[in-house]
Structures are given as structure tokens and as C-alpha cells.
Amino acid sequence: MRHLQMEVNHVNPTKGIPGDSDQTQTALNHPQAERPLKVWYATAVKAEWTGPADIKRQFGASVDFVGDNRVIFDLGGNKYRLVVRIAYTYKRALVKFIGTHAEYDGINAETV
């Protein structure tokens, strides 16, 4: 049984994302996002997702999919968005964006 591994820019909900000052700053500017991020992280590191259907089954309506194997998670009652690129074959996830719903509206989830 091989669980999902967080890649280089893994999420540490209490410290943000190492090496990405914008994302770390977002996490630090929104301390109320800490709990939803911790819950997501605890779920993700134990996951055995083999494709989008597994994620959809686990998260239901609070998840969307875009190109490049990117998954958009709604966190904290849809107050925050988390964009993650998933390499299903290698059981790896790379966090591409963490921010408020309003901040998310200013990015392109397929290229961020």
C-alpha cells in the first residue's frame, strides 16, 4: 500500500509552503485557513488516489478538475481554494496555489 506523497512544495499548514514566499504569505495572512489545510493534508497523505474518480468520491462537490492533472479543492466552507497537481502513477502531489476564493479568481488554475 503506497500513500500519496507531497512533493517538493509540500503543505505544512502551520508554516505554509517552503520555497514559495507568495504561498507561504497567503497561508500566514489567513490563520483561519490553518485547520482546513491540516484536515486536507491529513486526508491527502493517506490517500490512494488512482485517478480523478477517487478524489471525487472522497471530496464530492468540494472538488473540481482542470487540465494538467490539477485538482481544485474548496476548503473552509469554500472560503479558500487549494490547487494541486497530482501525479497519480507516482503517488505525488504538488501544491500550486493556496488562497482565498477572491484570490483564486485572479489566477489561471491550469497554469499557476
Protein backbone atom coordinates (compact mmCIF):
# COMPACT_ATOMS: atom_id res chain seq x y z
CA MET A 1 0.00 0.00 0.00
CA ARG A 2 1.61 3.24 -1.15
CA HIS A 3 0.16 6.52 0.05
CA LEU A 4 0.27 9.88 -1.67
CA GLN A 5 3.48 11.81 -1.07
CA MET A 6 3.73 15.57 -1.05
CA GLU A 7 6.37 16.72 -3.50
CA VAL A 8 8.97 19.46 -3.02
CA ASN A 9 6.45 22.21 -2.27
CA HIS A 10 4.54 20.11 0.25
CA VAL A 11 1.98 21.72 2.51
CA ASN A 12 2.87 22.31 6.11
CA PRO A 13 -0.28 24.03 7.32
CA THR A 14 1.49 25.78 10.17
CA LYS A 15 4.38 27.10 8.06
CA GLY A 16 2.99 27.49 4.57
CA ILE A 17 4.90 26.13 1.60
CA PRO A 18 8.70 26.08 1.79
CA GLY A 19 10.39 27.90 -1.06
CA ASP A 20 7.30 29.80 -2.19
CA SER A 21 7.08 33.12 -0.41
CA ASP A 22 3.77 34.13 -2.05
CA GLN A 23 2.00 30.95 -0.99
CA THR A 24 3.62 30.99 2.46
CA GLN A 25 2.50 34.58 2.91
CA THR A 26 -1.05 33.67 1.90
CA ALA A 27 -1.11 30.88 4.49
CA LEU A 28 0.27 33.21 7.16
CA ASN A 29 -2.14 36.04 6.27
CA HIS A 30 -5.11 33.73 6.74
CA PRO A 31 -4.61 31.84 10.00
CA GLN A 32 -8.25 30.70 9.88
CA ALA A 33 -7.23 28.57 6.87
CA GLU A 34 -4.89 26.52 9.05
CA ARG A 35 -7.47 23.98 10.25
CA PRO A 36 -8.98 23.24 6.81
CA LEU A 37 -5.45 22.86 5.39
CA LYS A 38 -4.48 20.47 8.17
CA VAL A 39 -7.60 18.38 7.55
CA TRP A 40 -6.91 18.28 3.80
CA TYR A 41 -3.24 17.41 4.38
CA ALA A 42 -4.09 14.59 6.81
CA THR A 43 -6.51 13.17 4.25
CA ALA A 44 -4.19 13.60 1.25
CA VAL A 45 -1.10 11.94 2.73
CA LYS A 46 -3.16 8.81 3.47
CA ALA A 47 -4.87 8.80 0.09
CA GLU A 48 -4.52 6.12 -2.54
CA TRP A 49 -5.98 8.06 -5.44
CA THR A 50 -5.56 6.33 -8.78
CA GLY A 51 -7.50 8.94 -10.73
CA PRO A 52 -9.98 11.79 -10.51
CA ALA A 53 -12.87 9.45 -9.68
CA ASP A 54 -11.19 8.50 -6.38
CA ILE A 55 -10.81 12.14 -5.40
CA LYS A 56 -14.38 12.95 -6.44
CA ARG A 57 -15.65 10.01 -4.41
CA GLN A 58 -13.75 11.25 -1.35
CA PHE A 59 -14.43 15.00 -1.62
CA GLY A 60 -17.68 15.14 -3.60
CA ALA A 61 -18.90 18.58 -4.64
CA SER A 62 -15.98 20.36 -2.94
CA VAL A 63 -13.54 19.41 -5.72
CA ASP A 64 -13.15 20.37 -9.38
CA PHE A 65 -10.73 19.26 -12.07
CA VAL A 66 -8.90 21.25 -14.75
CA GLY A 67 -6.19 20.37 -17.26
CA ASP A 68 -2.67 19.13 -16.45
CA ASN A 69 -3.98 16.80 -13.70
CA ARG A 70 -4.78 19.76 -11.50
CA VAL A 71 -7.37 19.49 -8.80
CA ILE A 72 -9.11 22.43 -7.14
CA PHE A 73 -10.18 21.78 -3.57
CA ASP A 74 -12.67 24.07 -1.82
CA LEU A 75 -11.61 24.43 1.80
CA GLY A 76 -13.16 26.04 4.84
CA GLY A 77 -16.70 26.15 3.53
CA ASN A 78 -15.49 27.39 0.12
CA LYS A 79 -13.63 30.35 1.66
CA TYR A 80 -10.28 29.04 0.41
CA ARG A 81 -9.04 27.31 -2.71
CA LEU A 82 -6.20 24.85 -2.97
CA VAL A 83 -4.85 23.92 -6.42
CA VAL A 84 -2.81 20.73 -6.52
CA ARG A 85 -1.18 18.94 -9.45
CA ILE A 86 -1.46 15.18 -8.94
CA ALA A 87 0.84 12.58 -10.49
CA TYR A 88 -1.39 9.56 -9.93
CA THR A 89 1.13 6.99 -11.21
CA TYR A 90 3.85 8.20 -8.86
CA LYS A 91 1.52 8.97 -5.92
CA ARG A 92 2.77 12.56 -5.71
CA ALA A 93 1.06 15.89 -5.23
CA LEU A 94 2.47 19.36 -5.83
CA VAL A 95 0.61 22.28 -4.32
CA LYS A 96 0.40 25.06 -6.90
CA PHE A 97 -1.80 27.61 -5.09
CA ILE A 98 -3.39 28.33 -1.73
CA GLY A 99 -5.57 31.40 -1.32
CA THR A 100 -8.95 32.88 -0.65
CA HIS A 101 -11.75 32.38 -3.11
CA ALA A 102 -11.28 36.01 -4.22
CA GLU A 103 -7.53 35.48 -4.77
CA TYR A 104 -8.28 32.31 -6.72
CA ASP A 105 -10.49 34.32 -9.08
CA GLY A 106 -7.34 36.23 -10.13
CA ILE A 107 -5.34 33.19 -11.28
CA ASN A 108 -5.48 30.58 -14.01
CA ALA A 109 -5.61 27.22 -12.22
CA GLU A 110 -4.22 25.44 -15.28
CA THR A 111 -1.02 27.48 -15.39
CA VAL A 112 -0.37 28.75 -11.87
